[in-house]
Amino acid sequence: MCACTKMAAVGSRGVFQAIGKSRGGPTTKIHAVVDALGNPIELALSEGQAHDITSAPGLLSDVHDASVLADMAYDSAELRKMLEANGNRSVIPSNPTRAVQYALDRHTYRERWLVEDFFRRLKRYRRIATRYEKRARMFFVFVLLASVLIWLA
């Protein structure tokens, strides 16, 4: 399993904590690339208020010759160009406000449940669902540990 963390922002003391502010309280997003069986390949953390598309290029830059299934939050012309340059097929629904609507292979898009299922299995571990750790590094270690357990199950 190749797991990486691509953390851009740094906290006030020089340590990235990946804790964002929202109306619901402090949050952290876990971004994942999974294989055709729903096992994690790449992982990253970001603050809760960060948009999903900001982490996508770093996570998907090493993916070649595959079908990339993502939700509407990942609809971006730049991301589609990057995926096409790597020989990938993007199966991403177009944002309704987009001027140019892309065709969507709905049959292939149904397989995106594997990503959601990975997050369901990951959130079964209470330590990850509630994020007890303050430091992103320690939280990420537990995310990796849970991912290994998911691989072994």
Protein backbone atom coordinates (compact mmCIF):
# COMPACT_ATOMS: atom_id res chain seq x y z
CA MET A 1 0.00 0.00 0.00
CA CYS A 2 1.41 3.34 -1.03
CA ALA A 3 0.13 5.95 1.38
CA CYS A 4 1.14 9.55 1.30
CA THR A 5 0.20 12.76 2.96
CA LYS A 6 0.26 15.94 1.01
CA MET A 7 -0.14 18.73 3.51
CA ALA A 8 0.14 22.30 2.31
CA ALA A 9 -0.93 24.56 5.15
CA VAL A 10 1.02 24.94 8.37
CA GLY A 11 -0.44 25.91 11.76
CA SER A 12 0.56 28.85 13.92
CA ARG A 13 3.49 26.99 15.51
CA GLY A 14 4.80 25.54 12.28
CA VAL A 15 3.02 22.19 12.71
CA PHE A 16 0.25 21.21 10.32
CA GLN A 17 -2.82 20.13 12.26
CA ALA A 18 -5.40 19.69 9.43
CA ILE A 19 -8.12 21.07 11.63
CA GLY A 20 -10.47 23.45 9.87
CA LYS A 21 -13.16 25.71 11.17
CA SER A 22 -16.78 25.23 10.22
CA ARG A 23 -20.20 25.94 11.64
CA GLY A 24 -20.32 22.41 13.04
CA GLY A 25 -16.98 22.76 14.81
CA PRO A 26 -13.42 21.67 14.07
CA THR A 27 -13.24 19.26 11.12
CA THR A 28 -10.72 17.31 9.06
CA LYS A 29 -11.21 15.80 5.63
CA ILE A 30 -9.68 12.50 4.64
CA HIS A 31 -9.10 12.15 0.89
CA ALA A 32 -8.61 8.67 -0.53
CA VAL A 33 -7.82 6.89 -3.76
CA VAL A 34 -9.05 3.30 -3.70
CA ASP A 35 -8.53 0.40 -6.10
CA ALA A 36 -11.23 -1.65 -7.83
CA LEU A 37 -11.79 -3.66 -4.65
CA GLY A 38 -12.24 -0.63 -2.40
CA ASN A 39 -8.83 -0.93 -0.74
CA PRO A 40 -6.95 2.32 -0.10
CA ILE A 41 -4.06 3.22 -2.38
CA GLU A 42 -3.35 6.86 -1.45
CA LEU A 43 -4.51 9.00 1.44
CA ALA A 44 -4.28 12.66 2.33
CA LEU A 45 -5.60 15.03 4.98
CA SER A 46 -6.89 18.58 4.63
CA GLU A 47 -8.74 21.11 6.73
CA GLY A 48 -12.50 20.79 6.83
CA GLN A 49 -13.12 24.06 5.00
CA ALA A 50 -10.74 23.22 2.12
CA HIS A 51 -12.45 22.28 -1.13
CA ASP A 52 -12.00 18.70 -2.35
CA ILE A 53 -10.50 19.76 -5.68
CA THR A 54 -7.42 21.22 -3.96
CA SER A 55 -6.19 17.76 -2.92
CA ALA A 56 -7.15 15.93 -6.11
CA PRO A 57 -4.17 16.78 -8.38
CA GLY A 58 -1.64 15.62 -5.79
CA LEU A 59 -3.47 12.36 -5.12
CA LEU A 60 -4.22 11.51 -8.74
CA SER A 61 -0.91 12.52 -10.32
CA ASP A 62 0.47 8.95 -10.03
CA VAL A 63 -2.65 7.24 -11.43
CA HIS A 64 -2.21 6.09 -15.04
CA ASP A 65 -4.40 4.18 -17.50
CA ALA A 66 -7.43 3.83 -15.24
CA SER A 67 -11.02 4.96 -14.90
CA VAL A 68 -11.18 7.66 -12.26
CA LEU A 69 -14.57 7.83 -10.57
CA ALA A 70 -15.26 10.90 -8.43
CA ASP A 71 -18.23 12.91 -7.27
CA MET A 72 -19.32 16.31 -8.55
CA ALA A 73 -16.96 18.18 -6.20
CA TYR A 74 -14.05 17.03 -8.39
CA ASP A 75 -15.51 18.48 -11.60
CA SER A 76 -12.77 20.74 -12.93
CA ALA A 77 -11.44 21.34 -16.42
CA GLU A 78 -7.85 21.30 -15.15
CA LEU A 79 -8.32 17.97 -13.38
CA ARG A 80 -9.97 16.43 -16.44
CA LYS A 81 -7.04 17.59 -18.60
CA MET A 82 -4.51 16.16 -16.14
CA LEU A 83 -6.34 12.82 -16.03
CA GLU A 84 -6.56 12.68 -19.81
CA ALA A 85 -2.84 13.47 -20.12
CA ASN A 86 -2.09 10.48 -17.85
CA GLY A 87 -4.22 8.20 -20.02
CA ASN A 88 -7.09 8.04 -17.56
CA ARG A 89 -10.79 8.08 -18.26
CA SER A 90 -12.66 10.52 -16.02
CA VAL A 91 -16.10 9.45 -14.86
CA ILE A 92 -17.13 12.60 -13.02
CA PRO A 93 -20.62 14.12 -13.18
CA SER A 94 -20.68 17.70 -14.45
CA ASN A 95 -21.66 20.51 -12.15
CA PRO A 96 -25.14 21.74 -13.18
CA THR A 97 -23.83 25.31 -13.46
CA ARG A 98 -21.10 24.28 -15.92
CA ALA A 99 -21.48 25.76 -19.41
CA VAL A 100 -20.16 22.59 -21.11
CA GLN A 101 -21.80 19.45 -19.74
CA TYR A 102 -19.73 16.27 -20.08
CA ALA A 103 -21.31 12.90 -20.80
CA LEU A 104 -21.40 10.53 -17.83
CA ASP A 105 -21.12 6.76 -18.05
CA ARG A 106 -23.72 5.95 -15.41
CA HIS A 107 -23.00 2.23 -15.51
CA THR A 108 -19.35 2.78 -14.55
CA TYR A 109 -20.23 5.57 -12.10
CA ARG A 110 -22.24 3.09 -10.01
CA GLU A 111 -18.95 1.56 -8.88
CA ARG A 112 -18.16 4.74 -6.91
CA TRP A 113 -19.86 3.11 -3.94
CA LEU A 114 -16.52 1.39 -3.32
CA VAL A 115 -15.04 4.73 -2.23
CA GLU A 116 -17.96 5.43 0.08
CA ASP A 117 -17.72 1.89 1.44
CA PHE A 118 -14.04 2.46 2.26
CA PHE A 119 -15.00 5.53 4.30
CA ARG A 120 -17.77 3.54 5.99
CA ARG A 121 -15.25 0.87 7.01
CA LEU A 122 -12.75 3.53 8.09
CA LYS A 123 -15.27 5.36 10.29
CA ARG A 124 -16.05 2.14 12.15
CA TYR A 125 -12.89 2.89 14.11
CA ARG A 126 -14.07 5.35 16.73
CA ARG A 127 -10.68 6.96 17.11
CA ILE A 128 -10.84 8.08 13.47
CA ALA A 129 -14.52 9.00 13.44
CA THR A 130 -14.09 11.36 16.39
CA ARG A 131 -10.44 12.39 15.87
CA TYR A 132 -8.97 12.25 19.34
CA GLU A 133 -5.51 13.39 18.21
CA LYS A 134 -4.70 17.05 17.82
CA ARG A 135 -1.66 16.63 15.57
CA ALA A 136 -2.30 15.66 11.98
CA ARG A 137 0.69 13.34 11.97
CA MET A 138 -0.67 11.18 14.79
CA PHE A 139 -4.18 11.21 13.34
CA PHE A 140 -2.78 10.18 9.95
CA VAL A 141 -0.89 7.29 11.58
CA PHE A 142 -4.17 5.94 12.96
CA VAL A 143 -5.84 6.41 9.56
CA LEU A 144 -3.01 4.37 8.02
CA LEU A 145 -3.32 1.70 10.71
CA ALA A 146 -7.06 1.40 10.09
CA SER A 147 -6.37 1.25 6.34
CA VAL A 148 -3.97 -1.65 6.88
CA LEU A 149 -6.63 -3.45 8.90
CA ILE A 150 -9.11 -2.84 6.06
CA TRP A 151 -6.58 -4.33 3.60
CA LEU A 152 -6.22 -7.40 5.83
CA ALA A 153 -9.97 -7.96 6.31
